[in-house]
Amino acid sequence: MSAPAAPVPNLPSEPIDLRLVVTDLDGTLLDGEGRVPERLWELLPLLRERGVMLAPASGRQYPVLRRLFAGNTDGMAFIAENGTYVVLDGAELSCTPVDPGFAPDLVRLVRELRSSGHRIGLVWCGRGAAYVEWDDPEFVAEVATYYAALDVVDDLLDAPEPAIKFAVYDFGDADSASTRILTERCAPQQVVPSSAHWVDIMSPAVNKGAALVSLQHTLGITPAQTVVFGDYLNDLEMISEAPYSFAMANAHPDVLEAARFVAPKNTEQGVVRVLEQLLAASASAA
């Protein structure tokens, strides 16, 4: 018996003057194995021909994003580290560091939590590399998935560059354990769950939505010319900045409620399928 067909995407009824596509990666564009769908490579030349910029927006660091799209980065924008670092066509557009006076308190808090039984680790995210001091092999392997430029140091307080973001990995349930503690102890910094196990700590004014607005202004692109895809809580702000917002069918309930449209699951190449149909609709309306 053949597998059932993937559901048809929920699409806008009107053609879109599409100029910017902003998509989260994990749980959104990437498949179940963390890979870029092969069909995207076929779609990229058509996007460029139509004058549409692709902008991956992720909690991952810029070197990882650049590696994922190696050989295809010309004319692309990258919203990295949940909006704290934005690169446009290879040039830095913005970088928002965390208050340096906050860093020692967070490092000590994570050490305190780990010594009291929480199996968590802290990533110090710099512009050029990420740094960890906990050398647990499972933790380092997990971090390396999202941070290509990674150094293990003796003491995070001796990290060689300022932090633009901190990321905490909780081997347990981050949403109910470490997130609650970090939110209580890290104010006024922003604490945002980015997956079931990852929690990001950033400057209060930073998020993917603010980065998207800055990118739109730089490019002279309106919200109505922007399509956004996301699946998790750290995507909510950018979803609110575009009327053509898509939650993946596998998205967190809050994201499904916030988005205007629903795309098929990431494991069903939902982002690519929606883009193919949007481009086809705009071509037939021209």
Protein backbone atom coordinates (compact mmCIF):
# COMPACT_ATOMS: atom_id res chain seq x y z
CA MET A 1 0.00 0.00 0.00
CA SER A 2 1.38 3.41 -0.95
CA ALA A 3 1.88 6.10 1.68
CA PRO A 4 -0.89 8.71 1.96
CA ALA A 5 -0.30 11.94 0.08
CA ALA A 6 0.94 14.90 2.11
CA PRO A 7 -1.75 17.51 2.74
CA VAL A 8 -2.12 20.40 0.32
CA PRO A 9 -0.68 23.64 1.78
CA ASN A 10 -3.06 26.26 3.10
CA LEU A 11 -2.30 29.24 0.80
CA PRO A 12 -3.31 32.90 0.41
CA SER A 13 -6.17 33.41 -2.04
CA GLU A 14 -4.44 36.39 -3.67
CA PRO A 15 -1.11 36.54 -5.58
CA ILE A 16 1.81 37.92 -3.57
CA ASP A 17 4.43 40.38 -4.77
CA LEU A 18 7.02 38.20 -3.08
CA ARG A 19 10.43 39.75 -2.39
CA LEU A 20 11.65 38.18 0.87
CA VAL A 21 11.34 34.67 2.31
CA VAL A 22 12.34 34.27 5.96
CA THR A 23 12.39 30.74 7.28
CA ASP A 24 13.36 29.08 10.51
CA LEU A 25 15.49 25.97 10.07
CA ASP A 26 15.07 23.20 12.66
CA GLY A 27 11.54 21.84 12.54
CA THR A 28 10.74 24.17 9.62
CA LEU A 29 12.92 24.13 6.50
CA LEU A 30 15.25 21.27 7.47
CA ASP A 31 14.03 17.69 7.19
CA GLY A 32 13.89 15.16 10.02
CA GLU A 33 17.63 14.51 9.63
CA GLY A 34 18.56 18.20 9.82
CA ARG A 35 19.25 18.51 6.08
CA VAL A 36 18.24 21.15 3.56
CA PRO A 37 15.67 19.58 1.17
CA GLU A 38 17.16 18.82 -2.23
CA ARG A 39 14.24 20.59 -3.93
CA LEU A 40 15.36 23.89 -2.40
CA TRP A 41 18.56 23.87 -4.46
CA GLU A 42 16.39 23.61 -7.59
CA LEU A 43 14.17 26.43 -6.34
CA LEU A 44 16.91 28.91 -5.41
CA PRO A 45 17.75 29.96 -9.02
CA LEU A 46 14.05 30.65 -9.66
CA LEU A 47 13.79 32.74 -6.48
CA ARG A 48 16.80 34.80 -7.59
CA GLU A 49 15.40 35.17 -11.10
CA ARG A 50 12.16 36.54 -9.61
CA GLY A 51 14.05 38.96 -7.35
CA VAL A 52 13.24 37.09 -4.13
CA MET A 53 15.80 36.98 -1.30
CA LEU A 54 16.00 33.93 0.97
CA ALA A 55 16.85 34.64 4.62
CA PRO A 56 17.25 31.67 6.98
CA ALA A 57 16.47 32.74 10.56
CA SER A 58 17.76 30.46 13.29
CA GLY A 59 19.12 30.12 16.77
CA ARG A 60 22.17 28.53 15.15
CA GLN A 61 25.41 30.48 14.72
CA TYR A 62 26.34 32.15 11.44
CA PRO A 63 29.20 29.74 10.54
CA VAL A 64 26.73 26.83 10.70
CA LEU A 65 24.20 28.66 8.52
CA ARG A 66 26.91 29.51 6.02
CA ARG A 67 28.01 25.86 5.94
CA LEU A 68 24.44 24.60 5.43
CA PHE A 69 24.09 26.81 2.35
CA ALA A 70 27.68 26.53 1.13
CA GLY A 71 28.04 27.53 -2.50
CA ASN A 72 24.62 29.18 -2.54
CA THR A 73 25.05 32.16 -0.20
CA ASP A 74 25.34 34.92 -2.83
CA GLY A 75 22.46 37.34 -2.46
CA MET A 76 21.22 35.74 0.77
CA ALA A 77 20.65 37.19 4.23
CA PHE A 78 21.15 35.24 7.46
CA ILE A 79 19.42 35.99 10.75
CA ALA A 80 21.64 34.06 13.17
CA GLU A 81 21.65 33.51 16.93
CA ASN A 82 17.91 34.27 17.16
CA GLY A 83 18.37 37.74 15.69
CA THR A 84 21.42 38.90 17.61
CA TYR A 85 23.63 38.64 14.50
CA VAL A 86 22.45 39.50 10.98
CA VAL A 87 24.51 39.16 7.79
CA LEU A 88 23.42 40.48 4.40
CA ASP A 89 25.20 39.19 1.30
CA GLY A 90 28.33 38.38 3.32
CA ALA A 91 28.50 41.67 5.25
CA GLU A 92 27.54 42.19 8.87
CA LEU A 93 24.29 44.15 9.10
CA SER A 94 23.83 44.15 12.88
CA CYS A 95 25.23 42.62 16.05
CA THR A 96 23.65 43.03 19.50
CA PRO A 97 25.74 41.81 22.45
CA VAL A 98 24.44 40.80 25.85
CA ASP A 99 25.20 43.15 28.76
CA PRO A 100 28.75 42.08 29.74
CA GLY A 101 27.99 42.66 33.42
CA PHE A 102 25.38 39.90 33.29
CA ALA A 103 27.71 37.17 32.01
CA PRO A 104 29.45 36.24 35.30
CA ASP A 105 26.12 35.86 37.09
CA LEU A 106 24.77 33.51 34.41
CA VAL A 107 27.94 31.39 34.30
CA ARG A 108 27.80 30.95 38.07
CA LEU A 109 24.05 30.22 38.00
CA VAL A 110 24.48 27.38 35.49
CA ARG A 111 27.37 25.96 37.52
CA GLU A 112 25.16 26.13 40.61
CA LEU A 113 22.27 24.38 38.87
CA ARG A 114 24.52 21.62 37.53
CA SER A 115 26.07 21.03 40.96
CA SER A 116 22.55 20.72 42.43
CA GLY A 117 21.59 17.95 40.01
CA HIS A 118 20.41 19.68 36.80
CA ARG A 119 22.14 18.14 33.78
CA ILE A 120 22.57 21.36 31.84
CA GLY A 121 25.35 23.12 30.00
CA LEU A 122 25.96 26.71 28.93
CA VAL A 123 27.15 27.96 25.54
CA TRP A 124 28.82 31.38 25.35
CA CYS A 125 27.97 32.55 21.82
CA GLY A 126 30.40 35.06 20.34
CA ARG A 127 30.44 36.69 16.95
CA GLY A 128 33.25 34.46 15.70
CA ALA A 129 32.86 31.26 17.74
CA ALA A 130 30.99 29.56 20.57
CA TYR A 131 32.60 28.50 23.84
CA VAL A 132 31.79 25.87 26.47
CA GLU A 133 33.53 24.86 29.67
CA TRP A 134 31.55 21.69 30.46
CA ASP A 135 33.33 18.93 28.54
CA ASP A 136 30.65 16.24 28.92
CA PRO A 137 30.92 14.34 25.58
CA GLU A 138 27.16 14.19 24.99
CA PHE A 139 26.80 17.90 25.66
CA VAL A 140 29.71 18.85 23.40
CA ALA A 141 28.33 16.64 20.62
CA GLU A 142 24.90 18.29 20.92
CA VAL A 143 26.41 21.77 20.85
CA ALA A 144 28.56 20.92 17.82
CA THR A 145 25.39 20.23 15.83
CA TYR A 146 24.45 23.90 16.03
CA TYR A 147 27.86 25.58 16.46
CA ALA A 148 30.47 24.78 13.83
CA ALA A 149 33.03 27.15 15.34
CA LEU A 150 33.28 25.73 18.86
CA ASP A 151 36.02 25.85 21.51
CA VAL A 152 36.15 24.06 24.86
CA VAL A 153 37.77 26.39 27.41
CA ASP A 154 38.81 25.96 31.03
CA ASP A 155 36.68 28.86 32.28
CA LEU A 156 33.87 30.58 30.35
CA LEU A 157 34.64 33.79 32.20
CA ASP A 158 37.88 33.88 30.22
CA ALA A 159 36.10 33.63 26.84
CA PRO A 160 38.06 35.72 24.31
CA GLU A 161 35.14 37.72 22.92
CA PRO A 162 31.89 39.28 24.20
CA ALA A 163 28.74 37.18 24.18
CA ILE A 164 26.03 38.09 21.69
CA LYS A 165 23.80 35.33 23.09
CA PHE A 166 23.87 32.55 25.67
CA ALA A 167 22.33 29.15 25.04
CA VAL A 168 21.50 26.58 27.72
CA TYR A 169 21.01 22.91 26.83
CA ASP A 170 18.95 20.90 29.31
CA PHE A 171 19.05 17.13 28.95
CA GLY A 172 15.72 17.06 30.79
CA ASP A 173 12.59 19.08 30.03
CA ALA A 174 13.86 22.60 29.49
CA ASP A 175 10.38 24.08 29.15
CA SER A 176 9.35 23.26 32.72
CA ALA A 177 12.67 23.16 34.58
CA SER A 178 15.56 25.33 33.50
CA THR A 179 13.39 27.86 31.65
CA ARG A 180 11.48 28.68 34.81
CA ILE A 181 14.64 29.07 36.90
CA LEU A 182 16.46 31.08 34.25
CA THR A 183 13.49 33.38 33.73
CA GLU A 184 13.34 34.10 37.44
CA ARG A 185 17.07 34.69 37.83
CA CYS A 186 18.06 36.35 34.54
CA ALA A 187 15.77 39.40 34.44
CA PRO A 188 15.86 41.80 32.67
CA GLN A 189 17.55 39.64 30.04
CA GLN A 190 15.28 37.84 27.59
CA VAL A 191 14.85 34.07 28.13
CA VAL A 192 13.34 32.24 25.15
CA PRO A 193 12.87 28.48 24.62
CA SER A 194 14.05 27.58 21.10
CA SER A 195 13.25 23.85 21.31
CA ALA A 196 12.25 21.24 23.88
CA HIS A 197 15.81 21.24 25.31
CA TRP A 198 17.38 24.57 24.28
CA VAL A 199 16.85 27.92 26.00
CA ASP A 200 18.39 31.16 24.68
CA ILE A 201 19.27 34.20 26.81
CA MET A 202 19.65 37.48 24.91
CA SER A 203 19.43 41.23 25.21
CA PRO A 204 15.82 42.28 25.96
CA ALA A 205 15.32 44.07 22.64
CA VAL A 206 16.55 41.25 20.39
CA ASN A 207 14.47 38.65 18.57
CA LYS A 208 13.95 37.32 15.05
CA GLY A 209 11.09 39.76 14.50
CA ALA A 210 13.21 42.83 15.26
CA ALA A 211 15.93 41.48 12.96
CA LEU A 212 13.36 40.94 10.21
CA VAL A 213 12.08 44.52 10.51
CA SER A 214 15.63 45.85 10.26
CA LEU A 215 16.27 43.69 7.19
CA GLN A 216 13.03 44.85 5.54
CA HIS A 217 13.98 48.49 6.09
CA THR A 218 17.48 47.94 4.70
CA LEU A 219 16.15 46.23 1.59
CA GLY A 220 13.14 48.51 1.08
CA ILE A 221 10.79 45.52 1.31
CA THR A 222 7.36 45.77 2.94
CA PRO A 223 5.72 43.25 5.29
CA ALA A 224 3.22 42.48 2.50
CA GLN A 225 6.13 41.41 0.28
CA THR A 226 7.45 39.04 2.95
CA VAL A 227 6.62 35.39 3.65
CA VAL A 228 7.66 33.88 7.00
CA PHE A 229 7.84 30.24 8.11
CA GLY A 230 8.31 28.99 11.69
CA ASP A 231 7.54 26.24 14.15
CA TYR A 232 8.60 27.22 17.67
CA LEU A 233 8.24 29.94 20.30
CA ASN A 234 11.33 31.87 19.18
CA ASP A 235 9.56 32.38 15.83
CA LEU A 236 6.54 34.23 17.24
CA GLU A 237 7.92 37.76 16.85
CA MET A 238 8.86 37.34 13.20
CA ILE A 239 5.49 35.71 12.47
CA SER A 240 3.83 38.86 13.79
CA GLU A 241 5.83 41.01 11.33
CA ALA A 242 4.42 39.50 8.12
CA PRO A 243 0.78 39.09 7.07
CA TYR A 244 1.83 36.06 5.04
CA SER A 245 2.98 33.95 7.98
CA PHE A 246 3.08 30.15 7.90
CA ALA A 247 3.24 27.79 10.85
CA MET A 248 4.41 24.30 10.04
CA ALA A 249 1.83 21.57 10.68
CA ASN A 250 4.24 20.20 13.30
CA ALA A 251 4.54 23.60 15.04
CA HIS A 252 4.04 24.46 18.71
CA PRO A 253 0.33 25.20 19.40
CA ASP A 254 1.08 28.87 20.13
CA VAL A 255 2.75 29.24 16.73
CA LEU A 256 -0.15 27.53 14.95
CA GLU A 257 -2.49 29.97 16.64
CA ALA A 258 -0.38 33.03 15.79
CA ALA A 259 0.27 32.29 12.10
CA ARG A 260 -2.22 33.11 9.37
CA PHE A 261 -1.55 29.99 7.29
CA VAL A 262 -0.38 26.40 7.83
CA ALA A 263 2.31 24.65 5.76
CA PRO A 264 2.85 20.89 5.63
CA LYS A 265 5.31 19.41 8.12
CA ASN A 266 9.04 19.97 7.76
CA THR A 267 9.36 16.23 7.06
CA GLU A 268 7.03 16.75 4.08
CA GLN A 269 9.17 19.60 2.61
CA GLY A 270 6.45 22.05 3.62
CA VAL A 271 8.46 25.25 3.05
CA VAL A 272 9.56 24.24 -0.45
CA ARG A 273 6.08 23.09 -1.44
CA VAL A 274 4.49 26.36 -0.33
CA LEU A 275 7.13 28.43 -2.15
CA GLU A 276 6.69 26.42 -5.35
CA GLN A 277 2.96 27.07 -5.29
CA LEU A 278 3.32 30.76 -4.39
CA LEU A 279 5.72 31.29 -7.31
CA ALA A 280 3.42 29.40 -9.66
CA ALA A 281 0.45 31.52 -8.55
CA SER A 282 2.31 34.80 -9.02
CA ALA A 283 3.53 33.71 -12.47
CA SER A 284 0.02 32.85 -13.66
CA ALA A 285 -1.30 36.17 -12.35
CA ALA A 286 1.37 38.20 -14.18
